[in-house]
C-alpha atoms as a PDB file:
ATOM      1  CA  MET A   1      -2.121  12.729 -15.962  1.00  0.00           C
ATOM      2  CA  LYS A   2      -4.749  10.347 -14.665  1.00  0.00           C
ATOM      3  CA  THR A   3      -6.531  10.707 -11.341  1.00  0.00           C
ATOM      4  CA  PHE A   4      -8.069   7.854  -9.349  1.00  0.00           C
ATOM      5  CA  LYS A   5     -10.036   7.490  -6.123  1.00  0.00           C
ATOM      6  CA  MET A   6      -7.977   6.005  -3.283  1.00  0.00           C
ATOM      7  CA  LEU A   7     -10.111   3.786  -1.056  1.00  0.00           C
ATOM      8  CA  ALA A   8      -7.527   2.505   1.418  1.00  0.00           C
ATOM      9  CA  PHE A   9      -3.926   3.219   2.362  1.00  0.00           C
ATOM     10  CA  ASP A  10      -1.389   1.529   4.600  1.00  0.00           C
ATOM     11  CA  LEU A  11       2.321   1.626   5.358  1.00  0.00           C
ATOM     12  CA  LEU A  12       4.667  -1.264   6.051  1.00  0.00           C
ATOM     13  CA  LEU A  13       6.699  -0.260   9.124  1.00  0.00           C
ATOM     14  CA  ASN A  14       9.084  -2.715  10.792  1.00  0.00           C
ATOM     15  CA  ASP A  15       7.340  -5.665   9.107  1.00  0.00           C
ATOM     16  CA  GLU A  16       3.954  -4.535  10.455  1.00  0.00           C
ATOM     17  CA  ILE A  17       1.106  -2.990   8.503  1.00  0.00           C
ATOM     18  CA  LYS A  18      -0.088   0.413   9.743  1.00  0.00           C
ATOM     19  CA  GLU A  19      -3.527   1.105   8.265  1.00  0.00           C
ATOM     20  CA  ILE A  20      -4.408   4.775   7.881  1.00  0.00           C
ATOM     21  CA  PRO A  21      -8.181   5.351   7.928  1.00  0.00           C
ATOM     22  CA  LEU A  22      -9.152   7.683   5.104  1.00  0.00           C
ATOM     23  CA  THR A  23     -11.884  10.271   5.078  1.00  0.00           C
ATOM     24  CA  ASP A  24     -11.036  10.678   1.402  1.00  0.00           C
ATOM     25  CA  GLY A  25      -8.104  10.155  -0.915  1.00  0.00           C
ATOM     26  CA  ILE A  26      -6.908  10.571  -4.471  1.00  0.00           C
ATOM     27  CA  ILE A  27      -3.990   9.209  -6.393  1.00  0.00           C
ATOM     28  CA  ILE A  28      -2.516  10.771  -9.505  1.00  0.00           C
ATOM     29  CA  ASN A  29      -0.368   9.049 -12.097  1.00  0.00           C
ATOM     30  CA  GLN A  30       1.741  11.902 -13.420  1.00  0.00           C
ATOM     31  CA  GLU A  31       2.595   9.858 -16.532  1.00  0.00           C
ATOM     32  CA  ASN A  32       6.021  11.484 -16.721  1.00  0.00           C
ATOM     33  CA  SER A  33       9.476  10.131 -17.534  1.00  0.00           C
ATOM     34  CA  HIS A  34      10.178   9.657 -13.811  1.00  0.00           C
ATOM     35  CA  LYS A  35       7.055   7.463 -13.437  1.00  0.00           C
ATOM     36  CA  MET A  36       6.002   9.459 -10.376  1.00  0.00           C
ATOM     37  CA  TRP A  37       2.682   9.235  -8.570  1.00  0.00           C
ATOM     38  CA  ILE A  38       1.110  11.689  -6.130  1.00  0.00           C
ATOM     39  CA  LEU A  39      -1.074  10.389  -3.316  1.00  0.00           C
ATOM     40  CA  GLU A  40      -3.203  12.698  -1.205  1.00  0.00           C
ATOM     41  CA  LEU A  41      -4.680  11.314   1.994  1.00  0.00           C
ATOM     42  CA  PHE A  42      -7.404  13.139   3.878  1.00  0.00           C
ATOM     43  CA  THR A  43      -7.489  11.767   7.410  1.00  0.00           C
ATOM     44  CA  ALA A  44      -7.929  12.687  11.088  1.00  0.00           C
ATOM     45  CA  ASP A  45      -5.578  15.306  12.504  1.00  0.00           C
ATOM     46  CA  THR A  46      -4.534  12.814  15.183  1.00  0.00           C
ATOM     47  CA  TYR A  47      -2.111  11.478  12.531  1.00  0.00           C
ATOM     48  CA  TYR A  48      -0.325  14.854  12.180  1.00  0.00           C
ATOM     49  CA  ASP A  49       2.679  14.003  14.394  1.00  0.00           C
ATOM     50  CA  PHE A  50       2.921  10.514  12.909  1.00  0.00           C
ATOM     51  CA  PHE A  51       3.284  11.882   9.374  1.00  0.00           C
ATOM     52  CA  GLN A  52       5.365  14.896  10.447  1.00  0.00           C
ATOM     53  CA  ASN A  53       8.108  12.501  11.582  1.00  0.00           C
ATOM     54  CA  PHE A  54       8.352  11.210   8.005  1.00  0.00           C
ATOM     55  CA  VAL A  55       8.329  14.716   6.495  1.00  0.00           C
ATOM     56  CA  THR A  56      11.282  15.578   8.727  1.00  0.00           C
ATOM     57  CA  SER A  57      13.230  12.353   8.107  1.00  0.00           C
ATOM     58  CA  GLY A  58      12.574  12.105   4.353  1.00  0.00           C
ATOM     59  CA  GLU A  59      12.497   8.327   4.813  1.00  0.00           C
ATOM     60  CA  VAL A  60      11.404   6.205   1.846  1.00  0.00           C
ATOM     61  CA  LEU A  61       8.446   4.091   2.949  1.00  0.00           C
ATOM     62  CA  ASP A  62       6.737   1.013   1.587  1.00  0.00           C
ATOM     63  CA  ALA A  63       3.060   1.784   1.093  1.00  0.00           C
ATOM     64  CA  ARG A  64       0.008   0.148  -0.432  1.00  0.00           C
ATOM     65  CA  ALA A  65      -3.100   1.763  -1.816  1.00  0.00           C
ATOM     66  CA  ILE A  66      -6.373   0.306  -3.003  1.00  0.00           C
ATOM     67  CA  ILE A  67      -7.413   2.272  -6.051  1.00  0.00           C
ATOM     68  CA  SER A  68     -10.882   2.768  -7.588  1.00  0.00           C
ATOM     69  CA  LEU A  69     -12.680  -0.420  -6.499  1.00  0.00           C
ATOM     70  CA  PRO A  70     -12.702  -2.187  -3.100  1.00  0.00           C
ATOM     71  CA  ASP A  71     -11.972  -5.568  -4.727  1.00  0.00           C
ATOM     72  CA  ASN A  72      -8.786  -4.333  -6.429  1.00  0.00           C
ATOM     73  CA  GLU A  73      -5.510  -5.683  -5.106  1.00  0.00           C
ATOM     74  CA  PRO A  74      -3.426  -3.166  -3.168  1.00  0.00           C
ATOM     75  CA  ALA A  75      -0.891  -1.392  -5.397  1.00  0.00           C
ATOM     76  CA  PRO A  76       2.602  -1.261  -3.819  1.00  0.00           C
ATOM     77  CA  PHE A  77       4.516   2.024  -3.755  1.00  0.00           C
ATOM     78  CA  ALA A  78       7.853   3.363  -2.518  1.00  0.00           C
ATOM     79  CA  VAL A  79       6.934   6.818  -1.193  1.00  0.00           C
ATOM     80  CA  VAL A  80       8.138   9.893   0.674  1.00  0.00           C
ATOM     81  CA  VAL A  81       5.806  12.068   2.749  1.00  0.00           C
ATOM     82  CA  HIS A  82       6.120  15.509   1.182  1.00  0.00           C
ATOM     83  CA  SER A  83       3.857  17.810   3.228  1.00  0.00           C
ATOM     84  CA  ILE A  84       0.931  18.044   5.638  1.00  0.00           C
ATOM     85  CA  THR A  85      -1.795  20.687   5.658  1.00  0.00           C
ATOM     86  CA  LYS A  86      -4.306  21.088   8.485  1.00  0.00           C
ATOM     87  CA  VAL A  87      -7.915  21.454   7.318  1.00  0.00           C
ATOM     88  CA  GLY A  88     -10.222  21.913  10.309  1.00  0.00           C
ATOM     89  CA  ASP A  89     -10.050  18.733  12.370  1.00  0.00           C
ATOM     90  CA  LYS A  90      -8.497  16.794   9.474  1.00  0.00           C
ATOM     91  CA  ILE A  91      -5.179  16.798   7.665  1.00  0.00           C
ATOM     92  CA  SER A  92      -4.254  16.523   4.025  1.00  0.00           C
ATOM     93  CA  VAL A  93      -1.064  14.477   3.583  1.00  0.00           C
ATOM     94  CA  LEU A  94       0.756  14.859   0.275  1.00  0.00           C
ATOM     95  CA  ILE A  95       2.893  11.847  -0.612  1.00  0.00           C
ATOM     96  CA  LYS A  96       5.038  11.282  -3.695  1.00  0.00           C
ATOM     97  CA  GLY A  97       6.482   8.039  -4.956  1.00  0.00           C
ATOM     98  CA  ARG A  98       6.833   5.332  -7.538  1.00  0.00           C
ATOM     99  CA  LEU A  99       4.755   2.259  -8.187  1.00  0.00           C
ATOM    100  CA  LYS A 100       6.826  -0.783  -7.320  1.00  0.00           C
ATOM    101  CA  ALA A 101       7.024  -3.677  -9.747  1.00  0.00           C
ATOM    102  CA  GLN A 102       4.923  -6.456  -8.337  1.00  0.00           C
ATOM    103  CA  ARG A 103       6.340  -9.927  -8.257  1.00  0.00           C
ATOM    104  CA  LYS A 104       4.715 -11.827 -11.084  1.00  0.00           C
ATOM    105  CA  LYS A 105       4.964 -15.137  -9.270  1.00  0.00           C
ATOM    106  CA  TYR A 106       3.319 -14.008  -6.032  1.00  0.00           C
ATOM    107  CA  ALA A 107       0.058 -15.838  -6.732  1.00  0.00           C
ATOM    108  CA  GLU A 108       1.870 -19.085  -7.488  1.00  0.00           C
ATOM    109  CA  LEU A 109       4.047 -18.806  -4.367  1.00  0.00           C
ATOM    110  CA  LEU A 110       1.054 -17.976  -2.171  1.00  0.00           C
ATOM    111  CA  LEU A 111      -0.908 -20.930  -3.532  1.00  0.00           C
ATOM    112  CA  ALA A 112       2.041 -23.287  -2.987  1.00  0.00           C
ATOM    113  CA  GLN A 113       2.393 -22.090   0.619  1.00  0.00           C
ATOM    114  CA  LEU A 114      -1.320 -22.537   1.326  1.00  0.00           C
ATOM    115  CA  LEU A 115      -1.233 -26.046  -0.122  1.00  0.00           C
ATOM    116  CA  GLU A 116       1.823 -26.851   2.026  1.00  0.00           C
ATOM    117  CA  ASP A 117      -0.189 -25.611   5.014  1.00  0.00           C
ATOM    118  CA  GLY A 118      -2.753 -28.295   4.172  1.00  0.00           C
ATOM    119  CA  LEU A 119      -5.612 -26.020   3.118  1.00  0.00           C
ATOM    120  CA  ARG A 120      -8.203 -27.460   0.742  1.00  0.00           C
ATOM    121  CA  ASN A 121     -11.453 -26.547  -1.008  1.00  0.00           C
ATOM    122  CA  ASP A 122     -13.377 -23.556   0.395  1.00  0.00           C
ATOM    123  CA  GLU A 123     -10.761 -22.937   3.090  1.00  0.00           C
ATOM    124  CA  LEU A 124      -8.044 -22.763   0.411  1.00  0.00           C
ATOM    125  CA  LEU A 125     -10.104 -20.441  -1.778  1.00  0.00           C
ATOM    126  CA  GLU A 126     -10.862 -18.082   1.121  1.00  0.00           C
ATOM    127  CA  ALA A 127      -7.226 -17.988   2.316  1.00  0.00           C
ATOM    128  CA  PHE A 128      -5.970 -17.411  -1.246  1.00  0.00           C
ATOM    129  CA  ASP A 129      -8.435 -14.554  -1.794  1.00  0.00           C
ATOM    130  CA  GLN A 130      -7.441 -12.959   1.531  1.00  0.00           C
ATOM    131  CA  GLY A 131      -3.733 -13.433   0.776  1.00  0.00           C
ATOM    132  CA  MET A 132      -4.006 -11.801  -2.659  1.00  0.00           C
ATOM    133  CA  ARG A 133      -5.772  -8.835  -1.063  1.00  0.00           C
ATOM    134  CA  ASN A 134      -3.400  -8.368   1.892  1.00  0.00           C
ATOM    135  CA  ARG A 135      -0.165  -9.590   0.269  1.00  0.00           C
ATOM    136  CA  PRO A 136       1.483 -10.967   3.414  1.00  0.00           C
ATOM    137  CA  SER A 137       5.168 -11.859   3.345  1.00  0.00           C
ATOM    138  CA  LEU A 138       5.601 -15.452   2.316  1.00  0.00           C
ATOM    139  CA  GLN A 139       7.547 -18.021   4.327  1.00  0.00           C
ATOM    140  CA  LYS A 140       9.818 -18.846   1.430  1.00  0.00           C
ATOM    141  CA  ASN A 141      12.982 -16.825   0.887  1.00  0.00           C
ATOM    142  CA  ASN A 142      11.574 -13.567  -0.467  1.00  0.00           C
ATOM    143  CA  GLU A 143      14.967 -12.325  -1.631  1.00  0.00           C
ATOM    144  CA  GLU A 144      15.294 -15.215  -4.052  1.00  0.00           C
ATOM    145  CA  ASP A 145      11.770 -14.596  -5.312  1.00  0.00           C
ATOM    146  CA  GLY A 146      12.552 -10.997  -6.224  1.00  0.00           C
ATOM    147  CA  LYS A 147      10.935  -9.183  -3.309  1.00  0.00           C
END
């Protein structure tokens, strides 16, 4: 197993990104045949009911985590919220899931879209950098592109 520091975490819910502010977080690659990962979020207890709904439903969620360094691209996961433990005025949320295969052509598609939007030079570079970090849905047909 390998353990990493989780710096940021968000969920994609109804095509909107829900950022979860972390007090702390770790992510563990179990390196097993099921390719499972364990994510533990330490956050404010005001998120207890929010996460409890997902514990109850067992819904598979699309999540992203920034691992180890702030400049790393968010890693996409398909996850299920497993349990919640109250710790003082915080909660520990245990999440299990699999790393999703990232589309290998995302960078090329993002660049093409930004060029179509007429961006150039520094504006293009800044928008490309932001797009690679946030990974927004692209205007092109994502189903054909393997999303």
